[in-house]
Amino acid sequence: MYHWIVKQKVRRGFRQLSAGDSEAVLRQFAADAVFSFSGRHSLSGAQRGPAPVRLWFERLYRLFPGISFEVLDVLSTGWPWNTVAATHFSVHVRLRDGRPYQNQGMQYLRLRWGKVVEDRLYEDTQKLAAELQHLARQGVGEALYPPVASAH
């Protein structure tokens, strides 16, 4: 039963992100939670704590307005004091020039007593970096900004 609840929380979190409600997800983060996104581009890097993660989501929504997520599968294991969930998801958004963008990724999520302590996202970074380059050519300068800095 516990792992069913974890899986439902993960699915609900992705639905909230699709609705643009990152605050609901951030309320689940522990004060010292680590969030990381793989690659070398404006969305990559690691942040610690909800405040820099909030800045990351704000950038994500500015770069990809209307982004939505589809959970393809969720696995959960462990005990309430040390739970790991793995999520296979897809990303969908219609870009400013009308083209569809789609990508897939994996999430490694560690929870302690229901709070996120570690959230690591792995997406096809080459595909994402190429799209960020394309956005920059269309005049979206933030697509090439350095990663969001974290206050450690």
Protein backbone atom coordinates (compact mmCIF):
# COMPACT_ATOMS: atom_id res chain seq x y z
CA MET A 1 0.00 0.00 0.00
CA TYR A 2 2.82 2.43 0.89
CA HIS A 3 4.46 2.13 -2.55
CA TRP A 4 1.12 2.65 -4.28
CA ILE A 5 0.80 5.95 -2.36
CA VAL A 6 4.34 6.98 -3.37
CA LYS A 7 3.59 6.24 -7.02
CA GLN A 8 0.39 8.30 -6.84
CA LYS A 9 2.30 11.22 -5.28
CA VAL A 10 4.86 11.10 -8.09
CA ARG A 11 2.14 11.04 -10.75
CA ARG A 12 0.29 13.91 -9.04
CA GLY A 13 3.55 15.92 -8.93
CA PHE A 14 4.03 15.59 -12.68
CA ARG A 15 0.38 16.60 -13.24
CA GLN A 16 0.94 19.68 -11.06
CA LEU A 17 4.06 20.57 -13.05
CA SER A 18 2.09 20.20 -16.28
CA ALA A 19 -0.45 22.66 -14.85
CA GLY A 20 2.38 25.11 -14.11
CA ASP A 21 2.13 24.57 -10.34
CA SER A 22 5.74 24.01 -9.32
CA GLU A 23 4.96 25.46 -5.87
CA ALA A 24 2.90 22.38 -5.00
CA VAL A 25 5.90 20.21 -5.89
CA LEU A 26 8.37 22.45 -4.06
CA ARG A 27 6.35 22.10 -0.84
CA GLN A 28 7.38 18.43 -0.91
CA PHE A 29 11.11 19.32 -0.85
CA ALA A 30 13.18 19.14 2.32
CA ALA A 31 15.10 22.32 3.18
CA ASP A 32 18.40 20.74 2.09
CA ALA A 33 17.08 18.69 -0.85
CA VAL A 34 19.38 18.23 -3.84
CA PHE A 35 17.91 18.75 -7.31
CA SER A 36 19.99 18.09 -10.41
CA PHE A 37 19.44 18.04 -14.15
CA SER A 38 22.06 16.38 -16.32
CA GLY A 39 23.92 17.96 -19.22
CA ARG A 40 25.74 21.17 -20.08
CA HIS A 41 23.13 23.81 -20.95
CA SER A 42 21.01 26.51 -19.30
CA LEU A 43 18.80 23.96 -17.50
CA SER A 44 21.63 21.76 -16.25
CA GLY A 45 23.30 21.80 -12.88
CA ALA A 46 22.55 21.05 -9.27
CA GLN A 47 20.67 23.09 -6.72
CA ARG A 48 20.24 22.62 -2.99
CA GLY A 49 17.02 23.63 -1.31
CA PRO A 50 13.67 24.82 -2.64
CA ALA A 51 14.64 28.45 -3.43
CA PRO A 52 17.14 27.73 -6.24
CA VAL A 53 14.92 24.91 -7.53
CA ARG A 54 12.09 27.46 -7.77
CA LEU A 55 14.36 29.61 -9.99
CA TRP A 56 15.07 26.53 -12.13
CA PHE A 57 11.34 25.87 -12.65
CA GLU A 58 10.72 29.54 -13.43
CA ARG A 59 13.37 29.32 -16.15
CA LEU A 60 11.93 26.05 -17.48
CA TYR A 61 8.46 27.63 -17.81
CA ARG A 62 9.89 30.76 -19.50
CA LEU A 63 11.85 28.69 -22.01
CA PHE A 64 9.08 26.16 -22.64
CA PRO A 65 5.71 27.79 -21.90
CA GLY A 66 2.93 25.22 -21.79
CA ILE A 67 5.27 22.29 -21.16
CA SER A 68 3.53 19.10 -20.10
CA PHE A 69 4.74 15.81 -18.70
CA GLU A 70 3.43 12.31 -19.18
CA VAL A 71 4.40 9.63 -16.68
CA LEU A 72 5.07 6.40 -18.52
CA ASP A 73 6.08 4.29 -15.51
CA VAL A 74 6.94 4.65 -11.82
CA LEU A 75 8.81 2.20 -9.60
CA SER A 76 9.10 2.54 -5.83
CA THR A 77 11.12 0.66 -3.25
CA GLY A 78 12.34 1.08 0.32
CA TRP A 79 10.86 2.16 3.61
CA PRO A 80 9.29 5.49 4.58
CA TRP A 81 12.59 6.72 6.04
CA ASN A 82 14.51 5.87 2.83
CA THR A 83 12.31 5.50 -0.25
CA VAL A 84 13.56 5.51 -3.83
CA ALA A 85 11.25 6.11 -6.79
CA ALA A 86 12.25 5.90 -10.43
CA THR A 87 10.08 7.53 -13.08
CA HIS A 88 10.14 7.20 -16.86
CA PHE A 89 8.46 10.28 -18.31
CA SER A 90 7.99 12.15 -21.55
CA VAL A 91 7.98 15.90 -22.14
CA HIS A 92 5.72 17.64 -24.67
CA VAL A 93 5.46 21.28 -25.68
CA ARG A 94 4.59 23.31 -28.77
CA LEU A 95 7.46 25.71 -29.37
CA ARG A 96 7.23 29.40 -30.21
CA ASP A 97 7.65 28.67 -33.92
CA GLY A 98 4.82 26.11 -33.81
CA ARG A 99 7.01 23.00 -33.94
CA PRO A 100 6.34 20.24 -31.43
CA TYR A 101 9.13 19.32 -29.04
CA GLN A 102 9.15 15.95 -27.37
CA ASN A 103 11.74 14.25 -25.21
CA GLN A 104 11.95 11.42 -22.71
CA GLY A 105 13.68 11.22 -19.39
CA MET A 106 14.22 9.38 -16.16
CA GLN A 107 13.92 10.64 -12.64
CA TYR A 108 15.71 9.23 -9.60
CA LEU A 109 13.86 10.42 -6.51
CA ARG A 110 14.78 9.78 -2.87
CA LEU A 111 12.23 10.49 -0.12
CA ARG A 112 12.54 10.52 3.66
CA TRP A 113 9.26 10.50 5.56
CA GLY A 114 7.45 11.87 2.50
CA LYS A 115 9.89 14.72 1.83
CA VAL A 116 12.07 14.91 -1.27
CA VAL A 117 15.75 14.82 -0.29
CA GLU A 118 17.16 14.04 -3.73
CA ASP A 119 15.69 14.58 -7.21
CA ARG A 120 17.89 13.80 -10.22
CA LEU A 121 16.59 14.19 -13.77
CA TYR A 122 18.16 12.59 -16.82
CA GLU A 123 16.73 13.59 -20.17
CA ASP A 124 18.12 13.26 -23.71
CA THR A 125 20.47 16.18 -23.14
CA GLN A 126 21.74 16.38 -26.73
CA LYS A 127 18.20 16.81 -27.97
CA LEU A 128 17.45 19.43 -25.30
CA ALA A 129 20.72 21.33 -25.86
CA ALA A 130 20.02 21.45 -29.62
CA GLU A 131 16.55 22.85 -28.95
CA LEU A 132 17.96 25.47 -26.60
CA GLN A 133 20.39 26.51 -29.36
CA HIS A 134 17.43 26.80 -31.73
CA LEU A 135 15.55 28.97 -29.22
CA ALA A 136 18.60 31.21 -28.90
CA ARG A 137 18.71 31.66 -32.69
CA GLN A 138 15.07 32.78 -32.44
CA GLY A 139 16.09 35.50 -29.99
CA VAL A 140 15.47 33.74 -26.66
CA GLY A 141 18.73 34.73 -24.96
CA GLU A 142 17.97 32.91 -21.73
CA ALA A 143 18.27 29.63 -23.64
CA LEU A 144 22.05 30.08 -23.50
CA TYR A 145 22.36 31.50 -19.97
CA PRO A 146 24.59 29.67 -17.52
CA PRO A 147 22.83 27.18 -15.24
CA VAL A 148 20.83 28.50 -12.28
CA ALA A 149 23.24 29.01 -9.39
CA SER A 150 22.63 27.34 -6.07
CA ALA A 151 23.16 28.88 -2.67
CA HIS A 152 24.91 26.15 -0.67
